[in-house]
Every structure is written in structure tokens, then in C-alpha cells.
Amino acid sequence: MTQNNFPKLHNAMWPGLVGKGSPGAEPCIDLDTMLELTANAEVNGTKFDGVDIFLFDPHVSIDVKEDELKAVADKIGNKGLAIGSLVAPVWPPTNGGSAMGSEEERKNFVTQVQKACRIGKKLREIGVRSHGIRIDSAAGVTDWEKSPKPNTKKIAKTFKEAAKVAKDHGERLAAEGEICWGGMHSWKYMVQLLEEVGQPKYVGFQADMAHTLLYTLGYNAPEHRIVPDKFSWQPEEFHKAMKKMTAALRPWTIDFHVAQNDATVKGSGSHDKTGRHCLATDPNGKLNIARDAGYWMRDDKGKVTKKFKHICWDGCMFPNEVMMKQQTWNDILAAMIQVRENHGWRE
């Protein structure tokens, strides 16, 4: 058995949905299968403690009825798993809208957050869940760049309206920093947005190790690149860049994703020029997962912050064949355990 029992180790369910189910793509992997693979993962007697969920069909509908929600909670609980953060479907294709869009689009955004908060509150009342609703600006970088300052103000205004909803439901919103979302596509723009919202109790940052790595490289915002132009992964430069970025964003961070990235940038459509996650064991991964999680889980003096009661693995766009192998999830769990051993604590 491992020494530390906090933070709790969660697995994301949305890799069964993201990039799947559309024409020409592989079929979605249903929630039951994702839960089964998660529950069956085990490394030296340690298992996953819970799951984080995307509130979207065919997993859990944002309009789920109360009795159906209770059935989902029972199903997850019966596998010995808790529920952590929920992803609100705030994007236009999922009936949301751009946070810097028209009045109607912004209203749709807040409505989706409200529905997610309703579900979150109900799951807390059932007793199977902690806090956290995940959002982003649901807006493209090129659209944002047409009018940067007014657009950031508009996103902040939408986030403030969403924050009121979160407060009323006893929730917190975690804004995911990813280089494809306008106003959130660099570490500096992300801090500026959070400061503009100015409600750290209700709107914080969700740090994903894979996505935030790309912040240091300045993709989509070369003006905020931290590493030198001729950077070839020299440890000293990497360390300096990670320290600078996390010092700025860590105070805002309320939700944390363990992930791997090979620092290549792919994507299309609303996910233009975004990073693709790698498997935990990928030899091309640029992160030392067990070590580099410490940039987020420890303070500037190297002390464990204990800010995250749970951490979640996030890895999307893997082929179904890879995702259906139990070994994939055992390897991921092993990486998560090592993160907890290095930067966790015992209660």
C-alpha cells in the first residue's frame, strides 16, 4: 500500500466522448465501460478513488431527470468510486454559447452552467460528490484577437454571471487554461481574465499539465513565450519557465489535471492549435509527470499546499483500441500514485 491517501485519485470519463461519435470518427465509449475500466485498474492494491464527469450525452445528459441522476450516482458508488468535478457543456455545439458572443449566446453559456450546478448540488446532497464545475470561454482565439480588451471584459462579465449561479448552488467554477480558448490562450491573458472576474472564491483556474506546458512555449500568444526562442528542453530553462508560469497561476488554481504532452500542437475547428494529450508512458512526453506535478502541488518554497482534495487524470483523443486495454489504465493509475507519493499527504 502507498503512504499518502490524499489527494484522492480520479479518472476522467470524457476521453470516452471527446473526438468521438461524429461522422468519420470512432464511436463513443459508453459511461459503463469507462467506469468498468476505471474500477478494474489496480496497482499493488491501490485503486482509483473516483471519477470526474462530462455532462453530455451519451454519458450524463445536462437535462438528466432526478431519478436518472440517482441511478447514475448509485452505479458509480457501487463500483467504490466517488464523483468529483463536473464539466459543463458550455460550447456552441453542445447548446452553450461563446462567453464573449451575443446576448443570447452568453445567456446560453450561463444556462448550461446553471444546469451543471443543479446536477452538482444534487449529487452533493446524495453524498457522492465534492465540489467543482469546469468551464472555459467557449470562444476561438482568432475571434478574441479582433478586439482583445473588450472581449476579455465580455468574457469576465459572463463568468461573473456564472459565478452568481455557482454561489447560489454552493459550487465553484474552474476555468480550464487551454491555448485554443480566446482570452485564456496564454498564461498572462489567463491571469488578466481571472483578475478581471475578481471572484477567487467562485471562479478559479483549472490547471492541466499538458495544456499549461504549452503556455511556456507561447503557442497562439508568442508575446508571452517564457522559454528562449532556441529552446531544446534544457532542464535549467524548463525549470525557470515552469516556476514563472506556476507562480502566476498557482494562487488561482482550484482543480488539477495530471497529464502528459509531447509539446506538438495539433487540432482543428474550435480546438485549433491545441496540444494533444499523450499516454502516461509515451517516450515522447516532455514532462516528468511525478516531478512536474510538484510545480502545481507545492508552493514557491516547495511545501505541499494540500489545495486539491482530488486530482484527475486527463488524456483525450486516444484510439478506442488503446482505451479498451486494461493495461492503459493501470499505467495511468501508476503515474497518479507516484504523483501522490511525491506531493500528497496522509489524513
Protein backbone atom coordinates (compact mmCIF):
# COMPACT_ATOMS: atom_id res chain seq x y z
CA MET A 1 0.00 0.00 0.00
CA THR A 2 1.06 3.62 -0.53
CA GLN A 3 2.00 6.07 2.22
CA ASN A 4 -0.26 9.01 1.27
CA ASN A 5 -4.05 8.86 0.96
CA PHE A 6 -4.60 12.46 -0.23
CA PRO A 7 -5.30 13.85 -2.70
CA LYS A 8 -7.81 11.29 -3.93
CA LEU A 9 -7.08 9.86 -7.38
CA HIS A 10 -9.75 10.36 -10.04
CA ASN A 11 -10.06 9.32 -13.67
CA ALA A 12 -11.80 11.46 -16.31
CA MET A 13 -14.76 9.94 -18.13
CA TRP A 14 -14.75 12.37 -21.09
CA PRO A 15 -11.93 10.65 -23.04
CA GLY A 16 -14.74 8.26 -23.99
CA LEU A 17 -16.51 11.19 -25.70
CA VAL A 18 -14.01 13.84 -26.84
CA GLY A 19 -13.16 13.49 -30.53
CA LYS A 20 -15.52 10.52 -30.86
CA GLY A 21 -19.04 9.90 -32.10
CA SER A 22 -19.04 12.33 -35.04
CA PRO A 23 -19.10 11.20 -38.70
CA GLY A 24 -15.76 9.68 -39.64
CA ALA A 25 -14.64 9.38 -36.00
CA GLU A 26 -14.55 6.31 -33.78
CA PRO A 27 -17.70 5.59 -31.75
CA CYS A 28 -18.06 6.96 -28.22
CA ILE A 29 -17.13 4.67 -25.33
CA ASP A 30 -20.15 4.48 -23.03
CA LEU A 31 -20.03 5.51 -19.37
CA ASP A 32 -20.48 1.94 -18.10
CA THR A 33 -17.36 0.80 -19.96
CA MET A 34 -15.30 3.79 -18.79
CA LEU A 35 -16.39 3.11 -15.20
CA GLU A 36 -15.56 -0.58 -15.52
CA LEU A 37 -12.05 0.13 -16.84
CA THR A 38 -11.50 2.65 -14.04
CA ALA A 39 -12.84 0.38 -11.26
CA ASN A 40 -10.76 -2.57 -12.51
CA ALA A 41 -7.48 -0.63 -12.55
CA GLU A 42 -5.21 -1.63 -9.68
CA VAL A 43 -1.53 -1.19 -8.81
CA ASN A 44 -0.15 -3.03 -5.77
CA GLY A 45 -3.51 -2.90 -4.01
CA THR A 46 -4.23 0.79 -4.79
CA LYS A 47 -7.22 1.72 -6.96
CA PHE A 48 -8.82 4.89 -8.32
CA ASP A 49 -10.93 6.73 -5.73
CA GLY A 50 -13.34 8.46 -8.10
CA VAL A 51 -14.24 9.91 -11.48
CA ASP A 52 -14.80 13.35 -13.00
CA ILE A 53 -17.69 13.58 -15.46
CA PHE A 54 -18.63 15.44 -18.66
CA LEU A 55 -22.32 16.35 -18.51
CA PHE A 56 -23.15 15.38 -22.06
CA ASP A 57 -24.89 12.55 -23.88
CA PRO A 58 -24.38 9.66 -24.11
CA HIS A 59 -22.77 9.76 -20.63
CA VAL A 60 -24.90 12.00 -18.39
CA SER A 61 -27.33 14.42 -20.02
CA ILE A 62 -27.24 18.03 -18.83
CA ASP A 63 -31.04 17.72 -18.64
CA VAL A 64 -30.94 14.47 -16.66
CA LYS A 65 -34.01 13.80 -14.54
CA GLU A 66 -33.65 13.36 -10.79
CA ASP A 67 -34.39 9.63 -10.71
CA GLU A 68 -31.94 9.01 -13.58
CA LEU A 69 -29.28 11.01 -11.74
CA LYS A 70 -29.83 8.95 -8.60
CA ALA A 71 -29.35 5.79 -10.70
CA VAL A 72 -26.05 7.15 -12.10
CA ALA A 73 -24.87 8.03 -8.58
CA ASP A 74 -25.75 4.53 -7.35
CA LYS A 75 -23.99 2.91 -10.30
CA ILE A 76 -20.78 4.86 -9.65
CA GLY A 77 -20.98 4.40 -5.88
CA ASN A 78 -21.49 0.65 -6.26
CA LYS A 79 -18.12 0.49 -8.01
CA GLY A 80 -16.48 2.09 -4.98
CA LEU A 81 -15.98 5.40 -6.79
CA ALA A 82 -16.82 8.97 -5.77
CA ILE A 83 -17.70 11.82 -8.15
CA GLY A 84 -15.52 14.92 -8.30
CA SER A 85 -15.60 17.79 -10.77
CA LEU A 86 -18.24 18.10 -13.49
CA VAL A 87 -17.64 19.58 -16.93
CA ALA A 88 -20.40 21.97 -18.01
CA PRO A 89 -21.16 21.75 -21.77
CA VAL A 90 -20.77 25.49 -22.39
CA TRP A 91 -19.73 25.33 -26.07
CA PRO A 92 -21.99 26.30 -29.01
CA PRO A 93 -22.17 22.71 -30.43
CA THR A 94 -23.39 21.46 -27.01
CA ASN A 95 -26.17 24.09 -26.70
CA GLY A 96 -24.00 26.60 -24.85
CA GLY A 97 -22.55 29.73 -26.41
CA SER A 98 -19.45 31.89 -26.60
CA ALA A 99 -18.76 33.77 -23.35
CA MET A 100 -17.93 36.84 -25.50
CA GLY A 101 -20.73 36.31 -28.01
CA SER A 102 -24.17 37.86 -28.45
CA GLU A 103 -26.55 38.34 -25.54
CA GLU A 104 -28.28 35.10 -26.48
CA GLU A 105 -25.02 33.13 -26.71
CA ARG A 106 -23.89 34.42 -23.34
CA LYS A 107 -27.27 33.57 -21.84
CA ASN A 108 -26.96 30.02 -23.22
CA PHE A 109 -23.50 29.76 -21.60
CA VAL A 110 -24.85 30.75 -18.17
CA THR A 111 -27.87 28.44 -18.57
CA GLN A 112 -25.56 25.45 -19.12
CA VAL A 113 -23.57 26.41 -16.02
CA GLN A 114 -26.83 26.67 -14.07
CA LYS A 115 -27.91 23.19 -15.19
CA ALA A 116 -24.48 21.79 -14.26
CA CYS A 117 -24.67 23.43 -10.82
CA ARG A 118 -28.13 21.91 -10.28
CA ILE A 119 -26.72 18.45 -11.00
CA GLY A 120 -23.66 19.12 -8.87
CA LYS A 121 -25.73 20.24 -5.90
CA LYS A 122 -27.99 17.21 -6.18
CA LEU A 123 -25.02 14.82 -6.27
CA ARG A 124 -23.60 16.52 -3.19
CA GLU A 125 -26.92 16.11 -1.42
CA ILE A 126 -26.92 12.41 -2.32
CA GLY A 127 -23.47 12.33 -0.69
CA VAL A 128 -21.33 11.06 -3.56
CA ARG A 129 -19.55 14.21 -4.69
CA SER A 130 -17.18 17.04 -3.81
CA HIS A 131 -17.19 20.49 -5.50
CA GLY A 132 -16.08 21.86 -8.88
CA ILE A 133 -17.72 22.81 -12.21
CA ARG A 134 -15.36 23.17 -15.16
CA ILE A 135 -15.80 25.92 -17.78
CA ASP A 136 -13.83 27.85 -20.42
CA SER A 137 -14.58 30.84 -22.67
CA ALA A 138 -16.06 28.69 -25.48
CA ALA A 139 -14.58 31.26 -27.87
CA GLY A 140 -11.86 31.00 -30.52
CA VAL A 141 -8.53 32.81 -30.34
CA THR A 142 -8.86 34.49 -33.75
CA ASP A 143 -12.27 35.94 -32.79
CA TRP A 144 -10.85 37.18 -29.47
CA GLU A 145 -7.90 38.83 -31.24
CA LYS A 146 -10.23 41.12 -33.22
CA SER A 147 -10.83 43.14 -30.05
CA PRO A 148 -8.75 41.78 -27.16
CA LYS A 149 -9.53 44.07 -24.20
CA PRO A 150 -13.30 44.44 -24.81
CA ASN A 151 -13.57 40.70 -25.45
CA THR A 152 -11.79 39.84 -22.19
CA LYS A 153 -14.16 42.23 -20.37
CA LYS A 154 -17.13 40.49 -22.01
CA ILE A 155 -15.87 37.01 -21.03
CA ALA A 156 -15.29 38.29 -17.48
CA LYS A 157 -18.85 39.66 -17.37
CA THR A 158 -20.23 36.27 -18.44
CA PHE A 159 -18.05 34.48 -15.88
CA LYS A 160 -19.32 36.87 -13.17
CA GLU A 161 -22.91 35.99 -14.06
CA ALA A 162 -21.98 32.29 -13.95
CA ALA A 163 -20.26 32.91 -10.58
CA LYS A 164 -23.54 34.19 -9.10
CA VAL A 165 -25.19 30.95 -10.16
CA ALA A 166 -22.33 28.90 -8.68
CA LYS A 167 -22.53 30.81 -5.39
CA ASP A 168 -26.28 30.17 -5.14
CA HIS A 169 -25.65 26.43 -5.57
CA GLY A 170 -22.64 26.20 -3.26
CA GLU A 171 -20.30 25.50 -6.20
CA ARG A 172 -17.02 26.84 -7.57
CA LEU A 173 -16.14 27.29 -11.23
CA ALA A 174 -12.75 26.16 -12.54
CA ALA A 175 -11.73 27.85 -15.80
CA GLU A 176 -9.56 25.50 -17.85
CA GLY A 177 -6.49 27.12 -19.34
CA GLU A 178 -6.00 25.80 -22.84
CA ILE A 179 -4.37 27.58 -25.77
CA CYS A 180 -7.39 27.17 -28.07
CA TRP A 181 -9.77 29.25 -25.92
CA GLY A 182 -9.83 33.00 -26.57
CA GLY A 183 -8.80 35.15 -23.61
CA MET A 184 -7.36 32.05 -21.91
CA HIS A 185 -4.78 31.12 -24.54
CA SER A 186 -1.69 32.38 -22.70
CA TRP A 187 -0.71 32.36 -19.05
CA LYS A 188 -0.78 36.17 -18.91
CA TYR A 189 -4.17 36.52 -20.61
CA MET A 190 -5.48 33.85 -18.26
CA VAL A 191 -4.32 35.79 -15.17
CA GLN A 192 -5.74 39.02 -16.62
CA LEU A 193 -9.12 37.34 -17.13
CA LEU A 194 -9.20 35.89 -13.60
CA GLU A 195 -8.27 39.30 -12.17
CA GLU A 196 -10.98 40.95 -14.26
CA VAL A 197 -13.53 38.49 -12.86
CA GLY A 198 -12.06 39.12 -9.40
CA GLN A 199 -14.00 36.43 -7.56
CA PRO A 200 -11.41 33.88 -6.41
CA LYS A 201 -13.94 32.23 -4.08
CA TYR A 202 -16.17 31.30 -7.00
CA VAL A 203 -14.04 31.41 -10.18
CA GLY A 204 -10.57 29.86 -10.15
CA PHE A 205 -8.16 28.18 -12.54
CA GLN A 206 -8.10 24.57 -13.67
CA ALA A 207 -4.53 23.55 -14.48
CA ASP A 208 -3.87 20.67 -16.86
CA MET A 209 -0.21 19.65 -17.01
CA ALA A 210 -0.36 19.04 -20.77
CA HIS A 211 -2.10 22.28 -21.71
CA THR A 212 -0.16 24.55 -19.36
CA LEU A 213 3.14 23.20 -20.69
CA LEU A 214 2.19 24.85 -23.99
CA TYR A 215 1.77 28.20 -22.20
CA THR A 216 5.54 28.27 -21.63
CA LEU A 217 6.11 27.78 -25.38
CA GLY A 218 3.89 30.70 -26.37
CA TYR A 219 1.74 28.90 -28.95
CA ASN A 220 -1.12 31.19 -30.05
CA ALA A 221 0.49 34.02 -27.99
CA PRO A 222 4.19 34.32 -28.95
CA GLU A 223 4.35 37.59 -26.99
CA HIS A 224 4.02 35.57 -23.77
CA ARG A 225 6.51 32.81 -24.56
CA ILE A 226 8.66 32.17 -21.48
CA VAL A 227 11.32 29.79 -22.81
CA PRO A 228 14.05 31.09 -25.18
CA ASP A 229 13.49 31.05 -28.97
CA LYS A 230 16.04 28.30 -29.49
CA PHE A 231 14.74 26.19 -26.66
CA SER A 232 15.65 22.50 -26.83
CA TRP A 233 14.37 21.34 -23.45
CA GLN A 234 17.42 22.34 -21.41
CA PRO A 235 16.49 21.45 -17.80
CA GLU A 236 17.51 24.84 -16.41
CA GLU A 237 15.38 26.80 -18.91
CA PHE A 238 12.44 24.43 -18.48
CA HIS A 239 12.58 24.74 -14.68
CA LYS A 240 12.78 28.55 -14.85
CA ALA A 241 9.79 28.75 -17.22
CA MET A 242 7.64 26.38 -15.17
CA LYS A 243 8.42 28.29 -11.97
CA LYS A 244 7.46 31.61 -13.55
CA MET A 245 4.19 30.33 -15.01
CA THR A 246 3.04 28.42 -11.93
CA ALA A 247 3.92 31.31 -9.60
CA ALA A 248 1.43 33.43 -11.56
CA LEU A 249 -1.34 30.82 -11.88
CA ARG A 250 -0.98 28.62 -8.80
CA PRO A 251 -2.69 31.12 -6.44
CA TRP A 252 -5.80 30.88 -8.65
CA THR A 253 -5.70 27.10 -9.16
CA ILE A 254 -8.54 25.10 -7.62
CA ASP A 255 -8.58 22.00 -9.85
CA PHE A 256 -5.65 19.98 -11.19
CA HIS A 257 -5.22 17.51 -14.04
CA VAL A 258 -2.31 15.12 -14.26
CA ALA A 259 -1.40 14.67 -17.94
CA GLN A 260 1.39 14.17 -20.46
CA ASN A 261 2.21 16.08 -23.65
CA ASP A 262 4.80 15.77 -26.40
CA ALA A 263 4.66 19.57 -26.99
CA THR A 264 3.39 19.21 -30.55
CA VAL A 265 0.38 21.26 -31.49
CA LYS A 266 -2.48 19.81 -33.47
CA GLY A 267 -6.18 20.38 -33.70
CA SER A 268 -8.85 21.90 -35.89
CA GLY A 269 -12.07 23.86 -35.61
CA SER A 270 -12.79 25.10 -32.10
CA HIS A 271 -9.72 23.21 -30.86
CA ASP A 272 -7.37 24.91 -33.32
CA LYS A 273 -3.67 24.69 -32.46
CA THR A 274 -4.17 22.90 -29.19
CA GLY A 275 -1.98 20.22 -27.68
CA ARG A 276 -2.83 16.58 -27.90
CA HIS A 277 -2.53 14.55 -24.72
CA CYS A 278 -0.07 11.64 -24.64
CA LEU A 279 -0.27 8.43 -22.68
CA ALA A 280 1.49 8.44 -19.31
CA THR A 281 4.14 6.08 -20.68
CA ASP A 282 4.73 7.88 -24.01
CA PRO A 283 8.51 8.08 -24.64
CA ASN A 284 7.98 11.39 -26.48
CA GLY A 285 6.32 13.02 -23.46
CA LYS A 286 8.18 16.15 -22.39
CA LEU A 287 7.01 16.10 -18.77
CA ASN A 288 8.38 14.08 -15.90
CA ILE A 289 4.87 13.60 -14.51
CA ALA A 290 5.81 12.63 -10.95
CA ARG A 291 8.26 15.53 -10.63
CA ASP A 292 6.49 18.26 -12.60
CA ALA A 293 3.15 17.91 -10.81
CA GLY A 294 5.03 19.48 -7.92
CA TYR A 295 5.10 22.85 -9.69
CA TRP A 296 1.33 22.97 -9.06
CA MET A 297 1.03 20.94 -5.84
CA ARG A 298 3.79 22.70 -3.90
CA ASP A 299 4.26 26.41 -3.17
CA ASP A 300 7.23 28.61 -4.13
CA LYS A 301 9.15 27.29 -1.13
CA GLY A 302 8.50 23.67 -2.07
CA LYS A 303 5.90 22.99 0.63
CA VAL A 304 2.90 20.75 -0.22
CA THR A 305 -0.12 23.08 -0.42
CA LYS A 306 -2.90 20.48 0.19
CA LYS A 307 -5.14 22.66 -2.02
CA PHE A 308 -6.58 19.81 -4.08
CA LYS A 309 -8.63 17.16 -2.27
CA HIS A 310 -8.60 15.20 -5.50
CA ILE A 311 -6.54 15.21 -8.69
CA CYS A 312 -7.72 13.83 -12.02
CA TRP A 313 -6.01 12.12 -14.95
CA ASP A 314 -6.89 13.72 -18.27
CA GLY A 315 -5.97 12.13 -21.57
CA CYS A 316 -8.09 12.57 -24.69
CA MET A 317 -8.11 11.50 -28.33
CA PHE A 318 -6.58 8.08 -27.83
CA PRO A 319 -7.77 5.32 -30.19
CA ASN A 320 -10.52 3.13 -28.77
CA GLU A 321 -8.26 0.11 -29.12
CA VAL A 322 -5.81 1.70 -26.67
CA MET A 323 -8.55 2.82 -24.32
CA MET A 324 -10.13 -0.61 -24.12
CA LYS A 325 -6.92 -2.19 -22.79
CA GLN A 326 -6.88 -2.55 -19.02
CA GLN A 327 -3.10 -2.05 -19.01
CA THR A 328 -3.60 1.51 -20.28
CA TRP A 329 -5.48 2.42 -17.11
CA ASN A 330 -3.12 0.52 -14.83
CA ASP A 331 -0.23 2.56 -16.29
CA ILE A 332 -2.16 5.78 -15.78
CA LEU A 333 -3.03 4.82 -12.20
CA ALA A 334 0.64 4.04 -11.53
CA ALA A 335 1.58 7.57 -12.68
CA MET A 336 -1.15 9.07 -10.46
CA ILE A 337 0.06 7.10 -7.43
CA GLN A 338 3.59 8.38 -7.96
CA VAL A 339 2.31 11.98 -8.07
CA ARG A 340 0.52 11.45 -4.76
CA GLU A 341 3.54 9.81 -3.18
CA ASN A 342 5.71 12.76 -4.22
CA HIS A 343 3.39 15.64 -3.41
CA GLY A 344 0.47 14.31 -1.34
CA TRP A 345 -0.21 13.81 2.34
CA ARG A 346 -1.87 11.46 4.82
CA GLU A 347 -5.08 12.10 6.78
